[in-house]
Amino acid sequence: MDYLYIDEKGPQETIRMTNPYDERKKIKLGNDNMHVYVADLIKIDEESLHEIEEKYKLLEKEYMSSRNFPDNEELKGKYILGKNFKYGIASLKGRELDFYISLFDLLLENHVDNLLFSINKMSLVADKRLTSWILKLEEKRFIESARLLKYSLVKYMEIEASYSVIQSFFDSNKGNREVLTEIQKDMAAFVEKNKDIKRMNVQIKEYKKLIQTIRNTKHLIQNTPFDEVTFDWNKVSFDIDLWITEMSLANKFNVQSSELILDEGIPLEPFKKLNFQSIKLDEDSKNHVGLRISDVLVVISGKYISKLAIEHRYDKSNPEKRKLLPNDWFQLDEKQFDLLKKMKKYFFPNDSTFCFIIDTYFDDALLFETYFRYIGSYESFNDYKKHLETHAKKYFELLFRNLNSKWITAIENERGIRKVNESMIAGIEAGIIRPI
């Protein structure tokens, strides 16, 4: 028997526009203040369960006693990291650093498999109005890639879109064609304002293509009733199903002899179709070490994704300047370096493709993945510290290469999908392709 435990960070059943309007956030982000929903799932086999539970309880006890926690208090990831995470692991010291080192040693030594995945909230806003139109354009071959168009529009909405555009998405009195017209006008104004900024040449070129696509095809969009933007649990279940399929093909998992344990607040319905032998709903993490481990994993990964995204945003008051991560993110001592290496090995193992699943708009998640892969590329701390002054620049260069690589792969995959399923929408409806 295998036991699967899942916890989440940044959950929101309903997504609304900020009120009063916040230019940076644009949409309400919930208690976790995250632009993305992040979930972590761990798999513990029956043979290892007791040992892992006992060792983790001891780890919890040692940490909590060092901070004089009340006896009935439950240890949560947010208590461990607190305000000691400004530059991620580079800001982590002492007992907090030791806690996470011991945790990842425990997980790696016991071969606890992991799935980490993220869903962008602004992408869900776009789904409500635009995704059916995007898939129709791909089906009719008006565009090369449905994913690329969706990615470009969500990135624009997340960073550049004006108040009038965001407001139009949430205005039930406006039709979908009116929303596209609002985007078209806003993008045209952005292009005119920033056309002479060299750093934005590629972005301006892409926006001009988007304007042309909207102008030529907005008559094809259907007006559908708008009520509210809700979370898409089908994306969650698809991501888990993809990971399960990979694990099963590697003979590491059998869904028919497994139990899924859901933390409080996670609904049952999306997981019914995955055919688990047993599903436990609304479980209290006090009763499950696996849920407590999943919590501390999703908190550290979710915080990393959010903080890296914030740090990487360019300054709109100085758009000419390229934004690099502050070098503080790379100022590591040897223990911090070793922990990051362990985290890279755990979250991104070489024998798994679907251990980390990202959304169609994936910039925030890619910043996270690239950060760990970059630091993990150094064999030793001595080698790493020789290049302290150039890490930010090298990280940016790797990020740029990874972004291009993702898009080359995505476009090639779409071409393959069209050969087999004729269109993206046919593949999605058949359950073969992840909803965009």
Protein backbone atom coordinates (compact mmCIF):
# COMPACT_ATOMS: atom_id res chain seq x y z
CA MET A 1 0.00 0.00 0.00
CA ASP A 2 1.18 3.51 -0.88
CA TYR A 3 0.00 6.60 0.96
CA LEU A 4 -0.31 9.92 -0.86
CA TYR A 5 -0.60 13.19 1.05
CA ILE A 6 -1.43 16.52 -0.56
CA ASP A 7 -1.36 20.07 0.78
CA GLU A 8 -1.72 23.42 -0.97
CA LYS A 9 -0.70 27.07 -0.74
CA GLY A 10 -2.56 30.00 -2.30
CA PRO A 11 -5.99 28.31 -2.63
CA GLN A 12 -8.90 30.44 -3.89
CA GLU A 13 -12.24 29.09 -5.00
CA THR A 14 -13.26 32.47 -6.46
CA ILE A 15 -11.02 35.08 -8.06
CA ARG A 16 -12.05 38.73 -8.07
CA MET A 17 -10.61 42.09 -9.04
CA THR A 18 -8.92 44.08 -6.29
CA ASN A 19 -11.10 46.77 -4.70
CA PRO A 20 -9.79 49.42 -4.46
CA TYR A 21 -7.79 48.59 -7.57
CA ASP A 22 -4.18 47.57 -7.01
CA GLU A 23 -2.09 48.11 -10.15
CA ARG A 24 0.54 45.57 -9.11
CA LYS A 25 -1.73 42.76 -7.91
CA LYS A 26 -4.74 43.44 -10.17
CA ILE A 27 -6.68 40.52 -8.64
CA LYS A 28 -7.34 39.57 -5.03
CA LEU A 29 -4.75 37.01 -4.00
CA GLY A 30 -6.23 35.51 -0.84
CA ASN A 31 -4.59 35.05 2.55
CA ASP A 32 -1.33 33.71 1.11
CA ASN A 33 -0.91 36.74 -1.20
CA MET A 34 0.17 34.50 -4.10
CA HIS A 35 -0.33 34.95 -7.85
CA VAL A 36 -0.13 31.17 -8.22
CA TYR A 37 -1.76 28.17 -6.62
CA VAL A 38 0.90 25.66 -5.53
CA ALA A 39 0.32 22.10 -4.33
CA ASP A 40 2.71 19.42 -3.12
CA LEU A 41 2.01 15.69 -3.06
CA ILE A 42 4.25 13.09 -1.44
CA LYS A 43 4.12 9.31 -1.73
CA ILE A 44 5.23 7.14 1.18
CA ASP A 45 5.21 3.36 0.88
CA GLU A 46 3.83 1.23 3.68
CA GLU A 47 7.23 -0.27 4.54
CA SER A 48 8.74 3.16 5.21
CA LEU A 49 5.75 4.87 6.77
CA HIS A 50 6.39 4.07 10.45
CA GLU A 51 10.09 4.96 10.31
CA ILE A 52 9.40 8.26 8.54
CA GLU A 53 6.65 9.16 10.98
CA GLU A 54 8.80 8.48 14.02
CA LYS A 55 11.84 10.35 12.69
CA TYR A 56 9.77 13.34 11.61
CA LYS A 57 8.01 13.51 14.99
CA LEU A 58 11.43 13.62 16.62
CA LEU A 59 12.56 16.34 14.22
CA GLU A 60 9.43 18.35 15.04
CA LYS A 61 9.92 17.88 18.77
CA GLU A 62 13.55 19.02 18.68
CA TYR A 63 12.72 22.12 16.65
CA MET A 64 9.65 23.08 18.67
CA SER A 65 11.44 22.67 22.00
CA SER A 66 14.22 24.97 20.76
CA ARG A 67 11.61 27.68 20.23
CA ASN A 68 9.48 26.96 23.30
CA PHE A 69 6.32 26.13 21.34
CA PRO A 70 3.27 25.19 23.47
CA ASP A 71 2.84 21.42 23.81
CA ASN A 72 -0.42 21.37 21.86
CA GLU A 73 0.86 23.55 19.00
CA GLU A 74 1.17 22.00 15.52
CA LEU A 75 4.33 22.84 13.60
CA LYS A 76 3.58 24.59 10.31
CA GLY A 77 5.89 25.68 7.52
CA LYS A 78 4.86 29.32 7.98
CA TYR A 79 6.13 29.23 11.58
CA ILE A 80 9.51 27.84 10.52
CA LEU A 81 10.20 30.34 7.76
CA GLY A 82 8.44 33.34 9.30
CA LYS A 83 10.29 36.48 8.30
CA ASN A 84 13.60 34.67 7.77
CA PHE A 85 13.15 34.14 4.05
CA LYS A 86 13.80 37.46 2.31
CA TYR A 87 16.32 35.87 -0.06
CA GLY A 88 15.16 32.29 0.28
CA ILE A 89 17.63 29.80 1.72
CA ALA A 90 20.30 32.53 1.61
CA SER A 91 18.41 34.16 4.52
CA LEU A 92 17.85 30.94 6.47
CA LYS A 93 20.07 30.39 9.52
CA GLY A 94 20.56 28.17 12.55
CA ARG A 95 17.77 25.84 13.63
CA GLU A 96 15.53 26.63 10.64
CA LEU A 97 18.32 25.71 8.26
CA ASP A 98 19.09 22.55 10.26
CA PHE A 99 15.40 21.58 10.25
CA TYR A 100 15.12 21.65 6.47
CA ILE A 101 18.47 19.88 5.99
CA SER A 102 17.26 17.05 8.24
CA LEU A 103 13.89 16.95 6.46
CA PHE A 104 15.34 16.59 2.97
CA ASP A 105 17.85 14.00 4.21
CA LEU A 106 14.90 12.01 5.59
CA LEU A 107 12.94 12.25 2.34
CA LEU A 108 15.88 11.38 0.10
CA GLU A 109 17.09 8.49 2.26
CA ASN A 110 13.62 6.94 2.27
CA HIS A 111 12.91 7.54 -1.43
CA VAL A 112 9.77 9.58 -0.80
CA ASP A 113 8.51 10.53 -4.26
CA ASN A 114 7.19 14.04 -4.79
CA LEU A 115 4.95 15.98 -7.17
CA LEU A 116 4.98 19.78 -7.12
CA PHE A 117 2.68 21.72 -9.43
CA SER A 118 1.41 25.26 -9.89
CA ILE A 119 -1.56 26.98 -11.53
CA ASN A 120 -1.51 30.69 -12.36
CA LYS A 121 -4.55 32.61 -11.13
CA MET A 122 -4.56 35.21 -13.91
CA SER A 123 -4.60 32.28 -16.35
CA LEU A 124 -7.92 31.25 -14.79
CA VAL A 125 -9.26 34.76 -15.45
CA ALA A 126 -8.25 34.42 -19.09
CA ASP A 127 -9.93 30.99 -19.25
CA LYS A 128 -13.29 32.53 -18.39
CA ARG A 129 -13.24 34.85 -21.39
CA LEU A 130 -10.62 33.89 -23.95
CA THR A 131 -9.51 30.25 -23.93
CA SER A 132 -12.39 28.87 -26.06
CA TRP A 133 -11.60 31.55 -28.66
CA ILE A 134 -7.87 30.71 -28.55
CA LEU A 135 -8.59 26.99 -29.12
CA LYS A 136 -10.95 27.84 -31.99
CA LEU A 137 -8.20 29.89 -33.67
CA GLU A 138 -5.79 26.97 -33.35
CA GLU A 139 -8.38 24.54 -34.70
CA LYS A 140 -8.93 26.76 -37.75
CA ARG A 141 -5.13 27.25 -38.13
CA PHE A 142 -5.27 31.02 -37.68
CA ILE A 143 -2.43 30.75 -35.15
CA GLU A 144 0.66 28.57 -34.85
CA SER A 145 0.26 27.73 -31.19
CA ALA A 146 -2.67 27.93 -28.75
CA ARG A 147 -0.27 27.73 -25.80
CA LEU A 148 1.88 30.58 -27.07
CA LEU A 149 -1.12 32.86 -27.59
CA LYS A 150 -2.53 32.00 -24.14
CA TYR A 151 0.89 32.52 -22.53
CA SER A 152 1.39 35.91 -24.19
CA LEU A 153 -2.06 37.18 -23.23
CA VAL A 154 -1.79 36.03 -19.61
CA LYS A 155 1.68 37.56 -19.24
CA TYR A 156 0.31 40.83 -20.61
CA MET A 157 -2.65 40.67 -18.20
CA GLU A 158 -0.42 39.84 -15.24
CA ILE A 159 2.12 42.63 -15.80
CA GLU A 160 1.08 45.28 -18.34
CA ALA A 161 -2.72 45.38 -18.63
CA SER A 162 -4.41 48.61 -17.55
CA TYR A 163 -7.28 49.00 -15.13
CA SER A 164 -9.79 49.23 -17.99
CA VAL A 165 -8.72 45.83 -19.36
CA ILE A 166 -8.86 44.02 -16.01
CA GLN A 167 -12.17 45.70 -15.18
CA SER A 168 -13.64 44.54 -18.51
CA PHE A 169 -12.82 40.90 -17.67
CA PHE A 170 -14.91 41.11 -14.49
CA ASP A 171 -17.74 43.27 -15.88
CA SER A 172 -20.74 41.00 -16.46
CA ASN A 173 -22.28 43.67 -18.71
CA LYS A 174 -19.44 43.39 -21.22
CA GLY A 175 -19.27 40.69 -23.87
CA ASN A 176 -16.12 38.77 -24.76
CA ARG A 177 -15.67 40.70 -28.00
CA GLU A 178 -15.69 43.96 -26.04
CA VAL A 179 -12.97 42.54 -23.80
CA LEU A 180 -10.83 41.76 -26.85
CA THR A 181 -11.38 45.28 -28.19
CA GLU A 182 -10.26 46.69 -24.83
CA ILE A 183 -7.09 44.56 -24.97
CA GLN A 184 -6.43 45.66 -28.54
CA LYS A 185 -6.66 49.38 -27.63
CA ASP A 186 -4.57 48.97 -24.48
CA MET A 187 -1.82 47.03 -26.27
CA ALA A 188 -1.70 49.62 -29.05
CA ALA A 189 -1.21 52.36 -26.44
CA PHE A 190 1.53 50.30 -24.74
CA VAL A 191 3.35 49.78 -28.07
CA GLU A 192 3.23 53.49 -28.88
CA LYS A 193 4.53 54.43 -25.44
CA ASN A 194 7.40 51.92 -25.36
CA LYS A 195 8.34 51.47 -29.04
CA ASP A 196 11.74 53.17 -28.62
CA ILE A 197 12.85 51.11 -25.60
CA LYS A 198 15.48 48.69 -26.86
CA ARG A 199 15.00 46.18 -24.03
CA MET A 200 11.36 45.76 -25.08
CA ASN A 201 11.96 45.13 -28.80
CA VAL A 202 10.87 41.50 -28.66
CA GLN A 203 7.86 42.31 -26.47
CA ILE A 204 6.75 45.13 -28.78
CA LYS A 205 7.06 42.85 -31.81
CA GLU A 206 4.96 40.19 -30.06
CA TYR A 207 2.31 42.74 -29.05
CA LYS A 208 2.01 43.97 -32.63
CA LYS A 209 1.30 40.38 -33.72
CA LEU A 210 -1.27 40.02 -30.95
CA ILE A 211 -3.01 43.23 -31.99
CA GLN A 212 -3.21 41.96 -35.56
CA THR A 213 -4.53 38.57 -34.44
CA ILE A 214 -7.25 40.21 -32.34
CA ARG A 215 -8.18 42.63 -35.12
CA ASN A 216 -8.51 39.80 -37.66
CA THR A 217 -10.26 37.20 -35.52
CA LYS A 218 -12.26 38.82 -32.72
CA HIS A 219 -15.44 38.29 -34.73
CA LEU A 220 -14.98 34.56 -34.05
CA ILE A 221 -15.28 34.85 -30.28
CA GLN A 222 -18.60 33.78 -28.78
CA ASN A 223 -20.32 35.77 -26.09
CA THR A 224 -20.97 33.58 -23.08
CA PRO A 225 -22.71 34.57 -19.83
CA PHE A 226 -20.23 35.83 -17.23
CA ASP A 227 -20.85 35.23 -13.54
CA GLU A 228 -17.53 34.79 -11.71
CA VAL A 229 -14.03 33.33 -12.11
CA THR A 230 -13.65 30.07 -10.23
CA PHE A 231 -10.76 27.71 -9.62
CA ASP A 232 -10.33 24.87 -12.14
CA TRP A 233 -9.87 21.64 -10.20
CA ASN A 234 -9.67 19.70 -13.47
CA LYS A 235 -6.16 21.06 -13.92
CA VAL A 236 -5.23 19.69 -10.49
CA SER A 237 -6.59 16.22 -11.19
CA PHE A 238 -4.97 16.15 -14.64
CA ASP A 239 -1.55 17.04 -13.19
CA ILE A 240 -1.81 14.30 -10.59
CA ASP A 241 -3.03 11.81 -13.17
CA LEU A 242 -0.03 12.65 -15.38
CA TRP A 243 2.38 12.03 -12.50
CA ILE A 244 0.59 8.80 -11.54
CA THR A 245 0.86 7.56 -15.12
CA GLU A 246 4.60 8.21 -15.19
CA MET A 247 5.07 6.51 -11.81
CA SER A 248 3.00 3.51 -12.89
CA LEU A 249 4.95 3.06 -16.13
CA ALA A 250 8.15 3.04 -14.04
CA ASN A 251 6.63 0.32 -11.81
CA LYS A 252 6.85 2.65 -8.81
CA PHE A 253 3.14 2.97 -8.14
CA ASN A 254 -0.17 1.13 -8.36
CA VAL A 255 -3.21 3.36 -7.95
CA GLN A 256 -5.37 0.34 -7.12
CA SER A 257 -3.40 -0.27 -3.92
CA SER A 258 -3.04 3.30 -2.71
CA GLU A 259 -4.73 5.73 -0.38
CA LEU A 260 -5.01 9.48 -0.99
CA ILE A 261 -5.18 11.68 2.12
CA LEU A 262 -6.53 15.19 1.50
CA ASP A 263 -5.92 18.06 3.87
CA GLU A 264 -8.84 20.08 5.18
CA GLY A 265 -10.48 22.25 2.53
CA ILE A 266 -9.46 20.23 -0.53
CA PRO A 267 -12.60 18.92 -2.32
CA LEU A 268 -13.17 15.25 -3.08
CA GLU A 269 -14.85 15.48 -6.49
CA PRO A 270 -11.77 16.15 -8.71
CA PHE A 271 -10.02 13.03 -7.40
CA LYS A 272 -12.83 10.49 -7.78
CA LYS A 273 -11.96 9.78 -11.41
CA LEU A 274 -8.37 8.83 -10.51
CA ASN A 275 -9.49 5.43 -9.17
CA PHE A 276 -7.66 5.41 -5.85
CA GLN A 277 -8.49 2.42 -3.68
CA SER A 278 -9.32 4.84 -0.86
CA ILE A 279 -9.62 8.61 -0.42
CA LYS A 280 -9.73 10.29 2.97
CA LEU A 281 -11.35 13.72 2.94
CA ASP A 282 -10.91 16.73 5.26
CA GLU A 283 -8.21 15.03 7.29
CA ASP A 284 -6.65 16.88 10.21
CA SER A 285 -2.89 17.20 9.74
CA LYS A 286 -2.43 16.63 13.48
CA ASN A 287 -3.27 12.99 12.76
CA HIS A 288 -1.06 12.58 9.67
CA VAL A 289 2.69 13.14 9.59
CA GLY A 290 2.50 12.96 5.78
CA LEU A 291 0.24 16.02 5.64
CA ARG A 292 2.58 17.92 7.96
CA ILE A 293 5.54 17.09 5.72
CA SER A 294 3.59 18.16 2.64
CA ASP A 295 2.77 21.43 4.41
CA VAL A 296 6.40 22.38 5.11
CA LEU A 297 7.32 21.43 1.51
CA VAL A 298 4.55 23.46 -0.13
CA VAL A 299 5.26 26.46 2.10
CA ILE A 300 8.95 26.64 1.21
CA SER A 301 8.35 26.04 -2.50
CA GLY A 302 5.38 28.42 -2.65
CA LYS A 303 7.33 31.17 -0.90
CA TYR A 304 10.23 30.68 -3.30
CA ILE A 305 7.97 30.91 -6.36
CA SER A 306 6.26 34.06 -5.08
CA LYS A 307 9.39 35.88 -3.89
CA LEU A 308 11.41 35.14 -7.04
CA ALA A 309 8.54 36.44 -9.18
CA ILE A 310 8.33 39.68 -7.20
CA GLU A 311 12.11 40.20 -7.36
CA HIS A 312 12.16 39.63 -11.12
CA ARG A 313 9.47 42.19 -12.01
CA TYR A 314 10.91 45.14 -13.90
CA ASP A 315 10.46 48.69 -12.61
CA LYS A 316 7.76 50.37 -14.71
CA SER A 317 9.18 53.77 -13.81
CA ASN A 318 12.49 52.71 -15.39
CA PRO A 319 11.54 50.30 -18.20
CA GLU A 320 14.86 50.63 -20.03
CA LYS A 321 16.71 48.83 -17.23
CA ARG A 322 17.05 45.05 -17.37
CA LYS A 323 16.05 43.45 -14.07
CA LEU A 324 18.41 40.90 -12.55
CA LEU A 325 17.92 39.04 -9.30
CA PRO A 326 19.77 40.82 -6.48
CA ASN A 327 23.07 39.11 -5.76
CA ASP A 328 21.84 38.51 -2.19
CA TRP A 329 19.98 35.44 -3.52
CA PHE A 330 23.33 33.87 -4.34
CA GLN A 331 25.27 34.82 -1.19
CA LEU A 332 25.27 31.32 0.32
CA ASP A 333 27.37 29.67 2.96
CA GLU A 334 28.29 26.00 2.59
CA LYS A 335 25.34 24.64 4.61
CA GLN A 336 22.89 26.73 2.62
CA PHE A 337 24.49 25.58 -0.63
CA ASP A 338 24.23 21.94 0.46
CA LEU A 339 20.54 22.36 1.34
CA LEU A 340 19.77 23.88 -2.07
CA LYS A 341 21.56 20.95 -3.72
CA LYS A 342 19.42 18.51 -1.71
CA MET A 343 16.24 20.42 -2.64
CA LYS A 344 17.17 20.35 -6.30
CA LYS A 345 17.74 16.60 -6.11
CA TYR A 346 14.41 16.09 -4.38
CA PHE A 347 12.13 18.41 -6.36
CA PHE A 348 13.80 17.78 -9.74
CA PRO A 349 15.08 14.18 -9.84
CA ASN A 350 16.76 13.08 -13.06
CA ASP A 351 14.50 10.04 -13.46
CA SER A 352 11.20 11.99 -13.62
CA THR A 353 9.71 14.28 -16.26
CA PHE A 354 6.47 15.10 -14.44
CA CYS A 355 7.73 15.70 -10.89
CA PHE A 356 7.18 19.44 -11.46
CA ILE A 357 4.21 20.46 -13.61
CA ILE A 358 3.72 24.07 -14.65
CA ASP A 359 0.85 26.06 -16.12
CA THR A 360 0.58 27.49 -19.64
CA TYR A 361 1.83 30.80 -18.25
CA PHE A 362 4.86 29.48 -16.42
CA ASP A 363 7.26 32.36 -15.78
CA ASP A 364 6.93 32.27 -11.98
CA ALA A 365 7.44 28.50 -11.85
CA LEU A 366 10.35 28.63 -14.32
CA LEU A 367 12.17 31.19 -12.16
CA PHE A 368 11.95 28.70 -9.29
CA GLU A 369 13.07 25.69 -11.33
CA THR A 370 15.93 27.55 -13.00
CA TYR A 371 17.20 28.88 -9.66
CA PHE A 372 17.57 25.36 -8.26
CA ARG A 373 18.96 23.90 -11.46
CA TYR A 374 21.50 26.73 -11.72
CA ILE A 375 22.83 26.29 -8.18
CA GLY A 376 22.61 22.50 -8.51
CA SER A 377 24.85 22.65 -11.58
CA TYR A 378 27.87 23.38 -9.35
CA GLU A 379 29.54 20.22 -8.11
CA SER A 380 31.07 21.78 -5.02
CA PHE A 381 30.76 24.83 -2.82
CA ASN A 382 34.36 25.79 -3.59
CA ASP A 383 33.52 25.91 -7.27
CA TYR A 384 30.33 27.87 -6.58
CA LYS A 385 31.98 30.58 -4.44
CA LYS A 386 34.58 31.31 -7.16
CA HIS A 387 31.83 32.93 -9.24
CA LEU A 388 29.88 34.95 -6.64
CA GLU A 389 29.98 38.19 -8.63
CA THR A 390 28.59 36.67 -11.83
CA HIS A 391 25.84 34.36 -10.51
CA ALA A 392 22.97 36.81 -11.12
CA LYS A 393 24.01 37.34 -14.74
CA LYS A 394 24.58 33.63 -15.39
CA TYR A 395 21.24 32.77 -13.80
CA PHE A 396 19.49 35.25 -16.10
CA GLU A 397 21.22 33.75 -19.14
CA LEU A 398 20.17 30.23 -18.12
CA LEU A 399 16.61 31.46 -17.55
CA PHE A 400 16.53 32.92 -21.07
CA ARG A 401 17.78 29.63 -22.56
CA ASN A 402 15.27 27.61 -20.53
CA LEU A 403 12.42 29.87 -21.65
CA ASN A 404 13.34 29.40 -25.30
CA SER A 405 13.74 25.66 -24.80
CA LYS A 406 10.27 25.41 -23.21
CA TRP A 407 8.71 27.17 -26.17
CA ILE A 408 10.52 25.11 -28.80
CA THR A 409 9.31 21.95 -27.04
CA ALA A 410 5.74 23.27 -26.63
CA ILE A 411 5.41 24.24 -30.29
CA GLU A 412 6.86 20.92 -31.43
CA ASN A 413 4.40 19.11 -29.17
CA GLU A 414 1.47 21.04 -30.61
CA ARG A 415 2.52 20.07 -34.12
CA GLY A 416 2.59 16.44 -33.01
CA ILE A 417 -0.83 16.80 -31.38
CA ARG A 418 -2.32 18.14 -34.61
CA LYS A 419 -1.03 15.12 -36.51
CA VAL A 420 -2.72 12.73 -34.08
CA ASN A 421 -5.78 14.65 -32.82
CA GLU A 422 -6.12 17.30 -35.56
CA SER A 423 -6.44 20.10 -32.98
CA MET A 424 -5.66 21.01 -29.39
CA ILE A 425 -9.30 21.15 -28.43
CA ALA A 426 -9.88 17.61 -29.73
CA GLY A 427 -6.96 16.37 -27.61
CA ILE A 428 -8.23 18.21 -24.52
CA GLU A 429 -11.76 16.86 -24.95
CA ALA A 430 -10.33 13.34 -25.32
CA GLY A 431 -8.51 13.76 -22.00
CA ILE A 432 -5.10 13.31 -23.64
CA ILE A 433 -3.86 16.89 -23.32
CA ARG A 434 -3.74 19.09 -20.22
CA PRO A 435 -6.24 21.99 -20.43
CA ILE A 436 -4.33 25.13 -21.40
